Amino acid sequence: SPRWSPDGAWIAFVSHRDGRDAICVAAPDGTSAARQVTFAPPGQDDRDPCWSPDSSRIAFCRRAWEGEQTGDHIWTVDIRTGETKQVTKKLARRHGLQWAPNRAQVAYVSDEGEWDNIAVVNPDNAAGWNLASENGDKACPRYSPDGNRILYTRLQHGVTRLMDRGVNASSAEPYDPG
């Protein structure tokens, strides 16, 4: 899961260390050793790194177990200070993180419903909501360069369509309606 930082100064990636997966960063020119920036408790794994637009933070999923339930929480880590923060409160299967280019908002795929939905969370205050929860399993959220639209795929009745939605819109439009 390698990811370039927006400023090009770092590469974030997942590395298996001390018996679990962790997020690490390294300079792309190889001038310094890779540095581990997340340290999950034993039995938990960090994955799916996603950079903030200013390259100061990484959002990531931490696989966790609560009783008999397995899922992910979204966390952030400040690259400069190493401070980590849990962003989500309810355990759910999450993946496909994408940080908005123009605001503190991370889109992701979540199974918190009948379908896999596109949800968003504000990493600063943990406010979150479903962005796309219409029928069909959604995947691959991608913000437009200005952050005002989001693309995703939707699988329904065996057909996958590319969907386009304004981040403040009430519905999505297919790019390929059939």
N, C-alpha and C. Protein backbone atom coordinates (compact mmCIF):
# COMPACT_ATOMS: atom_id res chain seq x y z
N SER A 1 0.82 -1.21 0.00
CA SER A 1 0.00 0.00 0.00
C SER A 1 0.86 1.27 0.00
N PRO A 2 1.80 1.41 -0.90
CA PRO A 2 2.61 2.64 -0.90
C PRO A 2 1.80 3.84 -1.37
N ARG A 3 2.02 4.99 -0.73
CA ARG A 3 1.32 6.22 -1.08
C ARG A 3 2.29 7.39 -0.99
N TRP A 4 2.43 8.16 -2.09
CA TRP A 4 3.23 9.38 -2.08
C TRP A 4 2.53 10.43 -1.25
N SER A 5 3.27 11.21 -0.50
CA SER A 5 2.69 12.38 0.15
C SER A 5 2.44 13.43 -0.94
N PRO A 6 1.42 14.28 -0.78
CA PRO A 6 1.14 15.29 -1.81
C PRO A 6 2.31 16.20 -2.13
N ASP A 7 3.17 16.48 -1.13
CA ASP A 7 4.33 17.34 -1.39
C ASP A 7 5.53 16.57 -1.95
N GLY A 8 5.40 15.26 -2.08
CA GLY A 8 6.46 14.43 -2.65
C GLY A 8 7.62 14.16 -1.72
N ALA A 9 7.55 14.59 -0.47
CA ALA A 9 8.67 14.44 0.46
C ALA A 9 8.73 13.06 1.12
N TRP A 10 7.61 12.33 1.13
CA TRP A 10 7.54 11.05 1.85
C TRP A 10 6.77 10.02 1.04
N ILE A 11 7.04 8.78 1.37
CA ILE A 11 6.22 7.66 0.91
C ILE A 11 5.74 6.94 2.16
N ALA A 12 4.43 6.77 2.28
CA ALA A 12 3.86 5.97 3.37
C ALA A 12 3.61 4.57 2.84
N PHE A 13 3.79 3.57 3.68
CA PHE A 13 3.55 2.19 3.27
C PHE A 13 3.27 1.35 4.50
N VAL A 14 2.75 0.14 4.26
CA VAL A 14 2.47 -0.81 5.33
C VAL A 14 3.63 -1.78 5.40
N SER A 15 4.11 -2.03 6.62
CA SER A 15 5.21 -2.96 6.84
C SER A 15 4.86 -3.87 8.01
N HIS A 16 5.18 -5.14 7.89
CA HIS A 16 4.93 -6.09 8.98
C HIS A 16 6.10 -6.02 9.96
N ARG A 17 5.82 -5.51 11.17
CA ARG A 17 6.86 -5.33 12.18
C ARG A 17 6.35 -5.79 13.54
N ASP A 18 7.19 -6.46 14.29
CA ASP A 18 6.85 -6.93 15.64
C ASP A 18 5.54 -7.71 15.66
N GLY A 19 5.29 -8.52 14.64
CA GLY A 19 4.13 -9.39 14.61
C GLY A 19 2.84 -8.74 14.17
N ARG A 20 2.89 -7.51 13.68
CA ARG A 20 1.67 -6.84 13.20
C ARG A 20 2.04 -5.84 12.11
N ASP A 21 1.00 -5.41 11.37
CA ASP A 21 1.21 -4.44 10.30
C ASP A 21 1.21 -3.03 10.88
N ALA A 22 2.12 -2.20 10.40
CA ALA A 22 2.27 -0.82 10.87
C ALA A 22 2.45 0.09 9.67
N ILE A 23 2.11 1.37 9.87
CA ILE A 23 2.35 2.38 8.84
C ILE A 23 3.74 2.95 9.06
N CYS A 24 4.50 3.01 7.98
CA CYS A 24 5.86 3.56 8.02
C CYS A 24 5.97 4.64 6.96
N VAL A 25 6.95 5.51 7.11
CA VAL A 25 7.25 6.52 6.10
C VAL A 25 8.74 6.48 5.79
N ALA A 26 9.06 6.85 4.56
CA ALA A 26 10.46 6.89 4.13
C ALA A 26 10.62 8.02 3.12
N ALA A 27 11.81 8.60 3.10
CA ALA A 27 12.14 9.61 2.09
C ALA A 27 12.33 8.88 0.76
N PRO A 28 11.79 9.39 -0.34
CA PRO A 28 11.88 8.69 -1.61
C PRO A 28 13.29 8.62 -2.18
N ASP A 29 14.19 9.48 -1.70
CA ASP A 29 15.56 9.45 -2.23
C ASP A 29 16.46 8.49 -1.46
N GLY A 30 15.92 7.81 -0.44
CA GLY A 30 16.69 6.82 0.30
C GLY A 30 17.72 7.41 1.25
N THR A 31 17.63 8.71 1.56
CA THR A 31 18.63 9.34 2.43
C THR A 31 18.47 9.00 3.90
N SER A 32 17.34 8.41 4.27
CA SER A 32 17.16 8.02 5.67
C SER A 32 16.40 6.70 5.73
N ALA A 33 16.54 6.04 6.86
CA ALA A 33 15.87 4.76 7.05
C ALA A 33 14.37 4.99 7.19
N ALA A 34 13.59 3.99 6.82
CA ALA A 34 12.14 4.05 7.02
C ALA A 34 11.86 4.20 8.51
N ARG A 35 10.80 4.98 8.80
CA ARG A 35 10.43 5.25 10.19
C ARG A 35 9.01 4.76 10.43
N GLN A 36 8.84 3.92 11.45
CA GLN A 36 7.52 3.45 11.82
C GLN A 36 6.79 4.58 12.54
N VAL A 37 5.53 4.88 12.11
CA VAL A 37 4.78 5.99 12.71
C VAL A 37 3.52 5.53 13.44
N THR A 38 3.11 4.26 13.28
CA THR A 38 1.99 3.74 14.05
C THR A 38 2.43 2.52 14.83
N PHE A 39 1.83 2.36 16.00
CA PHE A 39 2.20 1.28 16.91
C PHE A 39 0.93 0.70 17.52
N ALA A 40 0.26 -0.16 16.77
CA ALA A 40 -1.00 -0.75 17.23
C ALA A 40 -0.73 -1.70 18.40
N PRO A 41 -1.72 -1.87 19.25
CA PRO A 41 -1.59 -2.87 20.32
C PRO A 41 -1.44 -4.27 19.72
N PRO A 42 -0.88 -5.21 20.46
CA PRO A 42 -0.76 -6.58 19.95
C PRO A 42 -2.10 -7.12 19.46
N GLY A 43 -2.07 -7.81 18.33
CA GLY A 43 -3.28 -8.38 17.75
C GLY A 43 -4.04 -7.44 16.84
N GLN A 44 -3.59 -6.21 16.69
CA GLN A 44 -4.26 -5.26 15.80
C GLN A 44 -3.28 -4.86 14.69
N ASP A 45 -3.84 -4.54 13.53
CA ASP A 45 -3.02 -4.19 12.37
C ASP A 45 -3.45 -2.85 11.79
N ASP A 46 -2.47 -2.06 11.35
CA ASP A 46 -2.72 -0.78 10.70
C ASP A 46 -2.52 -0.96 9.20
N ARG A 47 -3.42 -0.34 8.40
CA ARG A 47 -3.34 -0.51 6.95
C ARG A 47 -4.04 0.64 6.25
N ASP A 48 -3.98 0.66 4.94
CA ASP A 48 -4.70 1.60 4.08
C ASP A 48 -4.35 3.07 4.37
N PRO A 49 -3.05 3.44 4.31
CA PRO A 49 -2.67 4.83 4.59
C PRO A 49 -3.20 5.81 3.54
N CYS A 50 -3.50 7.02 3.99
CA CYS A 50 -4.06 8.06 3.13
C CYS A 50 -3.57 9.42 3.65
N TRP A 51 -2.87 10.19 2.83
CA TRP A 51 -2.27 11.46 3.24
C TRP A 51 -3.27 12.60 3.29
N SER A 52 -3.08 13.51 4.23
CA SER A 52 -3.81 14.78 4.23
C SER A 52 -3.23 15.64 3.10
N PRO A 53 -4.00 16.60 2.58
CA PRO A 53 -3.52 17.41 1.46
C PRO A 53 -2.23 18.18 1.75
N ASP A 54 -2.00 18.56 3.02
CA ASP A 54 -0.79 19.30 3.36
C ASP A 54 0.37 18.40 3.78
N SER A 55 0.21 17.09 3.64
CA SER A 55 1.25 16.09 3.95
C SER A 55 1.63 16.04 5.42
N SER A 56 0.81 16.60 6.30
CA SER A 56 1.17 16.61 7.72
C SER A 56 0.62 15.41 8.48
N ARG A 57 -0.44 14.79 7.96
CA ARG A 57 -1.06 13.67 8.67
C ARG A 57 -1.38 12.53 7.71
N ILE A 58 -1.50 11.36 8.27
CA ILE A 58 -1.94 10.19 7.53
C ILE A 58 -3.17 9.64 8.25
N ALA A 59 -4.23 9.40 7.49
CA ALA A 59 -5.37 8.65 8.01
C ALA A 59 -5.13 7.19 7.65
N PHE A 60 -5.58 6.28 8.49
CA PHE A 60 -5.38 4.86 8.23
C PHE A 60 -6.45 4.06 8.96
N CYS A 61 -6.61 2.80 8.55
CA CYS A 61 -7.52 1.88 9.21
C CYS A 61 -6.73 1.02 10.18
N ARG A 62 -7.30 0.82 11.36
CA ARG A 62 -6.72 -0.10 12.34
C ARG A 62 -7.72 -1.23 12.57
N ARG A 63 -7.31 -2.45 12.18
CA ARG A 63 -8.13 -3.64 12.38
C ARG A 63 -8.15 -3.95 13.87
N ALA A 64 -9.36 -4.12 14.42
CA ALA A 64 -9.51 -4.32 15.85
C ALA A 64 -10.56 -5.38 16.13
N TRP A 65 -10.56 -5.88 17.35
CA TRP A 65 -11.54 -6.84 17.81
C TRP A 65 -12.17 -6.28 19.08
N GLU A 66 -13.48 -6.26 19.09
CA GLU A 66 -14.22 -5.86 20.28
C GLU A 66 -15.19 -6.98 20.58
N GLY A 67 -14.88 -7.79 21.60
CA GLY A 67 -15.67 -8.98 21.88
C GLY A 67 -15.56 -9.95 20.72
N GLU A 68 -16.69 -10.33 20.15
CA GLU A 68 -16.72 -11.24 19.00
C GLU A 68 -16.69 -10.50 17.67
N GLN A 69 -16.75 -9.19 17.69
CA GLN A 69 -16.83 -8.40 16.46
C GLN A 69 -15.44 -7.98 15.99
N THR A 70 -15.21 -8.11 14.68
CA THR A 70 -13.97 -7.67 14.05
C THR A 70 -14.31 -6.55 13.07
N GLY A 71 -13.48 -5.55 13.01
CA GLY A 71 -13.70 -4.46 12.07
C GLY A 71 -12.55 -3.48 12.13
N ASP A 72 -12.81 -2.28 11.67
CA ASP A 72 -11.77 -1.26 11.60
C ASP A 72 -12.26 0.03 12.23
N HIS A 73 -11.31 0.75 12.80
CA HIS A 73 -11.52 2.14 13.19
C HIS A 73 -10.60 2.97 12.30
N ILE A 74 -11.00 4.19 12.02
CA ILE A 74 -10.11 5.11 11.31
C ILE A 74 -9.36 5.92 12.35
N TRP A 75 -8.08 6.03 12.15
CA TRP A 75 -7.17 6.79 13.01
C TRP A 75 -6.41 7.79 12.15
N THR A 76 -5.78 8.77 12.79
CA THR A 76 -4.82 9.64 12.12
C THR A 76 -3.53 9.64 12.92
N VAL A 77 -2.45 9.92 12.23
CA VAL A 77 -1.16 10.11 12.89
C VAL A 77 -0.54 11.39 12.33
N ASP A 78 -0.04 12.25 13.21
CA ASP A 78 0.68 13.46 12.83
C ASP A 78 2.12 13.06 12.55
N ILE A 79 2.60 13.30 11.34
CA ILE A 79 3.93 12.86 10.94
C ILE A 79 5.03 13.54 11.74
N ARG A 80 4.83 14.78 12.10
CA ARG A 80 5.86 15.53 12.82
C ARG A 80 5.94 15.11 14.29
N THR A 81 4.79 15.00 14.96
CA THR A 81 4.79 14.73 16.41
C THR A 81 4.61 13.26 16.76
N GLY A 82 4.06 12.47 15.84
CA GLY A 82 3.76 11.08 16.13
C GLY A 82 2.45 10.87 16.88
N GLU A 83 1.73 11.96 17.17
CA GLU A 83 0.47 11.86 17.90
C GLU A 83 -0.57 11.12 17.06
N THR A 84 -1.20 10.10 17.66
CA THR A 84 -2.27 9.38 16.99
C THR A 84 -3.61 9.72 17.62
N LYS A 85 -4.66 9.60 16.80
CA LYS A 85 -6.00 9.94 17.27
C LYS A 85 -7.00 8.99 16.62
N GLN A 86 -7.83 8.34 17.44
CA GLN A 86 -8.91 7.52 16.90
C GLN A 86 -10.03 8.44 16.45
N VAL A 87 -10.50 8.25 15.20
CA VAL A 87 -11.49 9.14 14.63
C VAL A 87 -12.90 8.56 14.70
N THR A 88 -13.05 7.27 14.42
CA THR A 88 -14.38 6.65 14.43
C THR A 88 -14.64 6.01 15.78
N LYS A 89 -15.94 5.88 16.11
CA LYS A 89 -16.32 5.33 17.41
C LYS A 89 -16.89 3.93 17.30
N LYS A 90 -17.60 3.64 16.22
CA LYS A 90 -18.25 2.35 16.03
C LYS A 90 -17.39 1.46 15.13
N LEU A 91 -17.19 0.23 15.55
CA LEU A 91 -16.39 -0.72 14.78
C LEU A 91 -17.17 -1.16 13.54
N ALA A 92 -16.54 -1.12 12.37
CA ALA A 92 -17.15 -1.55 11.11
C ALA A 92 -16.02 -1.92 10.15
N ARG A 93 -16.36 -2.67 9.12
CA ARG A 93 -15.34 -2.97 8.10
C ARG A 93 -15.19 -1.72 7.24
N ARG A 94 -13.99 -1.19 7.18
CA ARG A 94 -13.72 0.04 6.42
C ARG A 94 -12.47 -0.16 5.56
N HIS A 95 -12.46 0.51 4.40
CA HIS A 95 -11.28 0.45 3.52
C HIS A 95 -11.44 1.53 2.45
N GLY A 96 -10.41 1.69 1.63
CA GLY A 96 -10.47 2.62 0.50
C GLY A 96 -10.43 4.09 0.90
N LEU A 97 -9.65 4.44 1.92
CA LEU A 97 -9.62 5.82 2.40
C LEU A 97 -9.12 6.80 1.33
N GLN A 98 -9.77 7.97 1.28
CA GLN A 98 -9.40 9.04 0.35
C GLN A 98 -9.64 10.37 1.05
N TRP A 99 -8.58 11.15 1.29
CA TRP A 99 -8.70 12.44 1.96
C TRP A 99 -9.12 13.50 0.95
N ALA A 100 -10.11 14.31 1.30
CA ALA A 100 -10.58 15.38 0.41
C ALA A 100 -9.47 16.41 0.22
N PRO A 101 -9.31 16.94 -1.00
CA PRO A 101 -8.24 17.90 -1.25
C PRO A 101 -8.50 19.29 -0.69
N ASN A 102 -9.74 19.58 -0.29
CA ASN A 102 -10.07 20.95 0.10
C ASN A 102 -10.68 21.08 1.49
N ARG A 103 -10.69 20.03 2.27
CA ARG A 103 -11.30 20.10 3.60
C ARG A 103 -10.86 18.92 4.45
N ALA A 104 -11.12 19.03 5.74
CA ALA A 104 -10.82 17.93 6.66
C ALA A 104 -11.95 16.91 6.55
N GLN A 105 -11.82 16.01 5.59
CA GLN A 105 -12.83 15.00 5.36
C GLN A 105 -12.18 13.81 4.68
N VAL A 106 -12.44 12.63 5.23
CA VAL A 106 -11.91 11.39 4.67
C VAL A 106 -13.09 10.54 4.21
N ALA A 107 -13.11 10.18 2.93
CA ALA A 107 -14.13 9.27 2.39
C ALA A 107 -13.59 7.85 2.49
N TYR A 108 -14.50 6.89 2.65
CA TYR A 108 -14.10 5.49 2.75
C TYR A 108 -15.29 4.60 2.42
N VAL A 109 -15.02 3.33 2.21
CA VAL A 109 -16.06 2.33 2.01
C VAL A 109 -16.34 1.69 3.36
N SER A 110 -17.63 1.53 3.68
CA SER A 110 -18.04 0.98 4.96
C SER A 110 -19.17 -0.02 4.77
N ASP A 111 -19.19 -1.04 5.62
CA ASP A 111 -20.27 -2.02 5.55
C ASP A 111 -21.35 -1.75 6.60
N GLU A 112 -21.48 -0.51 7.04
CA GLU A 112 -22.45 -0.16 8.07
C GLU A 112 -23.86 -0.01 7.50
N GLY A 113 -24.33 -0.98 6.79
CA GLY A 113 -25.67 -0.93 6.20
C GLY A 113 -25.91 -2.19 5.40
N GLU A 114 -27.01 -2.19 4.67
CA GLU A 114 -27.35 -3.34 3.85
C GLU A 114 -26.33 -3.54 2.72
N TRP A 115 -25.75 -2.45 2.25
CA TRP A 115 -24.77 -2.46 1.16
C TRP A 115 -23.46 -1.88 1.66
N ASP A 116 -22.38 -2.11 0.89
CA ASP A 116 -21.15 -1.36 1.13
C ASP A 116 -21.42 0.07 0.67
N ASN A 117 -21.27 1.03 1.55
CA ASN A 117 -21.60 2.42 1.28
C ASN A 117 -20.35 3.29 1.28
N ILE A 118 -20.47 4.48 0.70
CA ILE A 118 -19.42 5.49 0.80
C ILE A 118 -19.80 6.39 1.97
N ALA A 119 -18.91 6.47 2.93
CA ALA A 119 -19.12 7.31 4.10
C ALA A 119 -17.98 8.30 4.19
N VAL A 120 -18.16 9.34 5.00
CA VAL A 120 -17.11 10.32 5.23
C VAL A 120 -17.03 10.59 6.72
N VAL A 121 -15.86 11.01 7.16
CA VAL A 121 -15.65 11.41 8.54
C VAL A 121 -14.69 12.60 8.56
N ASN A 122 -14.96 13.51 9.48
CA ASN A 122 -14.06 14.64 9.69
C ASN A 122 -13.00 14.19 10.69
N PRO A 123 -11.73 14.14 10.31
CA PRO A 123 -10.70 13.64 11.21
C PRO A 123 -10.40 14.58 12.38
N ASP A 124 -10.91 15.81 12.33
CA ASP A 124 -10.67 16.76 13.42
C ASP A 124 -11.69 16.66 14.53
N ASN A 125 -12.96 16.34 14.19
CA ASN A 125 -13.99 16.31 15.23
C ASN A 125 -14.81 15.02 15.24
N ALA A 126 -14.46 14.05 14.41
CA ALA A 126 -15.09 12.73 14.36
C ALA A 126 -16.54 12.75 13.87
N ALA A 127 -17.01 13.86 13.33
CA ALA A 127 -18.36 13.89 12.75
C ALA A 127 -18.33 13.06 11.46
N GLY A 128 -19.30 12.17 11.31
CA GLY A 128 -19.32 11.32 10.13
C GLY A 128 -20.73 11.05 9.66
N TRP A 129 -20.86 10.67 8.39
CA TRP A 129 -22.17 10.38 7.82
C TRP A 129 -21.97 9.58 6.55
N ASN A 130 -23.05 8.90 6.11
CA ASN A 130 -23.05 8.20 4.83
C ASN A 130 -23.22 9.22 3.72
N LEU A 131 -22.38 9.13 2.73
CA LEU A 131 -22.47 10.02 1.58
C LEU A 131 -23.26 9.36 0.45
N ALA A 132 -23.06 8.06 0.27
CA ALA A 132 -23.75 7.32 -0.80
C ALA A 132 -24.22 5.99 -0.23
N SER A 133 -25.53 5.86 -0.04
CA SER A 133 -26.07 4.64 0.54
C SER A 133 -27.22 4.06 -0.28
N GLU A 134 -27.31 4.46 -1.56
CA GLU A 134 -28.34 3.89 -2.42
C GLU A 134 -28.05 2.40 -2.64
N ASN A 135 -29.02 1.67 -3.20
CA ASN A 135 -28.86 0.24 -3.43
C ASN A 135 -27.60 -0.06 -4.23
N GLY A 136 -26.97 -1.17 -3.90
CA GLY A 136 -25.77 -1.62 -4.59
C GLY A 136 -24.52 -1.39 -3.77
N ASP A 137 -23.54 -2.27 -3.95
CA ASP A 137 -22.27 -2.16 -3.23
C ASP A 137 -21.38 -1.12 -3.90
N LYS A 138 -20.92 -0.15 -3.12
CA LYS A 138 -20.06 0.91 -3.62
C LYS A 138 -18.59 0.61 -3.29
N ALA A 139 -17.69 1.18 -4.11
CA ALA A 139 -16.25 0.98 -3.91
C ALA A 139 -15.48 2.14 -4.53
N CYS A 140 -14.21 2.23 -4.22
CA CYS A 140 -13.24 3.12 -4.87
C CYS A 140 -13.61 4.60 -4.86
N PRO A 141 -13.88 5.21 -3.71
CA PRO A 141 -14.20 6.65 -3.72
C PRO A 141 -12.98 7.48 -4.13
N ARG A 142 -13.22 8.47 -5.00
CA ARG A 142 -12.15 9.37 -5.45
C ARG A 142 -12.72 10.78 -5.58
N TYR A 143 -12.10 11.73 -4.88
CA TYR A 143 -12.52 13.12 -4.96
C TYR A 143 -12.06 13.76 -6.25
N SER A 144 -12.82 14.74 -6.73
CA SER A 144 -12.38 15.57 -7.85
C SER A 144 -11.25 16.46 -7.34
N PRO A 145 -10.44 17.04 -8.23
CA PRO A 145 -9.33 17.89 -7.78
C PRO A 145 -9.76 19.06 -6.88
N ASP A 146 -10.97 19.59 -7.09
CA ASP A 146 -11.43 20.69 -6.23
C ASP A 146 -12.17 20.20 -4.98
N GLY A 147 -12.40 18.88 -4.88
CA GLY A 147 -13.02 18.30 -3.70
C GLY A 147 -14.52 18.44 -3.62
N ASN A 148 -15.16 18.97 -4.66
CA ASN A 148 -16.60 19.20 -4.62
C ASN A 148 -17.43 18.04 -5.17
N ARG A 149 -16.77 17.07 -5.80
CA ARG A 149 -17.46 15.91 -6.35
C ARG A 149 -16.70 14.66 -5.94
N ILE A 150 -17.41 13.56 -6.00
CA ILE A 150 -16.77 12.29 -5.69
C ILE A 150 -17.24 11.25 -6.70
N LEU A 151 -16.31 10.46 -7.19
CA LEU A 151 -16.62 9.33 -8.07
C LEU A 151 -16.52 8.05 -7.25
N TYR A 152 -17.32 7.07 -7.61
CA TYR A 152 -17.21 5.75 -7.00
C TYR A 152 -17.87 4.75 -7.95
N THR A 153 -17.60 3.48 -7.73
CA THR A 153 -18.27 2.46 -8.51
C THR A 153 -19.42 1.89 -7.69
N ARG A 154 -20.46 1.43 -8.40
CA ARG A 154 -21.60 0.81 -7.73
C ARG A 154 -21.95 -0.48 -8.47
N LEU A 155 -21.95 -1.58 -7.73
CA LEU A 155 -22.31 -2.88 -8.28
C LEU A 155 -23.75 -3.19 -7.87
N GLN A 156 -24.62 -3.34 -8.87
CA GLN A 156 -26.01 -3.65 -8.60
C GLN A 156 -26.53 -4.58 -9.69
N HIS A 157 -27.14 -5.70 -9.30
CA HIS A 157 -27.70 -6.68 -10.23
C HIS A 157 -26.64 -7.17 -11.23
N GLY A 158 -25.42 -7.35 -10.77
CA GLY A 158 -24.35 -7.86 -11.61
C GLY A 158 -23.72 -6.86 -12.56
N VAL A 159 -24.13 -5.58 -12.48
CA VAL A 159 -23.59 -4.54 -13.36
C VAL A 159 -22.87 -3.50 -12.52
N THR A 160 -21.63 -3.19 -12.90
CA THR A 160 -20.87 -2.16 -12.21
C THR A 160 -20.93 -0.87 -13.02
N ARG A 161 -21.28 0.22 -12.33
CA ARG A 161 -21.37 1.53 -12.98
C ARG A 161 -20.49 2.53 -12.26
N LEU A 162 -19.98 3.49 -13.00
CA LEU A 162 -19.23 4.60 -12.43
C LEU A 162 -20.23 5.68 -12.08
N MET A 163 -20.21 6.12 -10.81
CA MET A 163 -21.18 7.10 -10.32
C MET A 163 -20.46 8.41 -10.00
N ASP A 164 -21.17 9.52 -10.20
CA ASP A 164 -20.65 10.85 -9.93
C ASP A 164 -21.64 11.54 -8.99
N ARG A 165 -21.11 12.13 -7.92
CA ARG A 165 -21.98 12.75 -6.92
C ARG A 165 -21.31 14.00 -6.37
N GLY A 166 -22.06 15.07 -6.26
CA GLY A 166 -21.57 16.23 -5.54
C GLY A 166 -21.50 15.89 -4.05
N VAL A 167 -20.50 16.38 -3.35
CA VAL A 167 -20.37 16.01 -1.93
C VAL A 167 -21.51 16.54 -1.09
N ASN A 168 -22.25 17.53 -1.58
CA ASN A 168 -23.42 18.05 -0.88
C ASN A 168 -24.72 17.69 -1.58
N ALA A 169 -24.67 16.80 -2.57
CA ALA A 169 -25.85 16.42 -3.35
C ALA A 169 -26.63 15.31 -2.67
N SER A 170 -27.90 15.19 -3.02
CA SER A 170 -28.74 14.17 -2.43
C SER A 170 -28.78 12.88 -3.26
N SER A 171 -28.25 12.93 -4.47
CA SER A 171 -28.24 11.73 -5.31
C SER A 171 -27.04 11.74 -6.22
N ALA A 172 -26.79 10.58 -6.84
CA ALA A 172 -25.66 10.42 -7.75
C ALA A 172 -26.18 10.18 -9.16
N GLU A 173 -25.34 10.48 -10.14
CA GLU A 173 -25.66 10.24 -11.55
C GLU A 173 -24.64 9.27 -12.11
N PRO A 174 -25.12 8.27 -12.88
CA PRO A 174 -24.17 7.34 -13.50
C PRO A 174 -23.50 7.97 -14.71
N TYR A 175 -22.21 7.71 -14.87
CA TYR A 175 -21.51 8.12 -16.10
C TYR A 175 -21.84 7.19 -17.24
N ASP A 176 -22.14 5.95 -16.89
CA ASP A 176 -22.45 4.97 -17.91
C ASP A 176 -23.81 4.32 -17.56
N PRO A 177 -24.90 4.99 -17.89
CA PRO A 177 -26.22 4.54 -17.44
C PRO A 177 -26.68 3.21 -18.06
N GLY A 178 -25.91 2.59 -18.88
CA GLY A 178 -26.34 1.32 -19.44
C GLY A 178 -25.86 1.17 -20.84
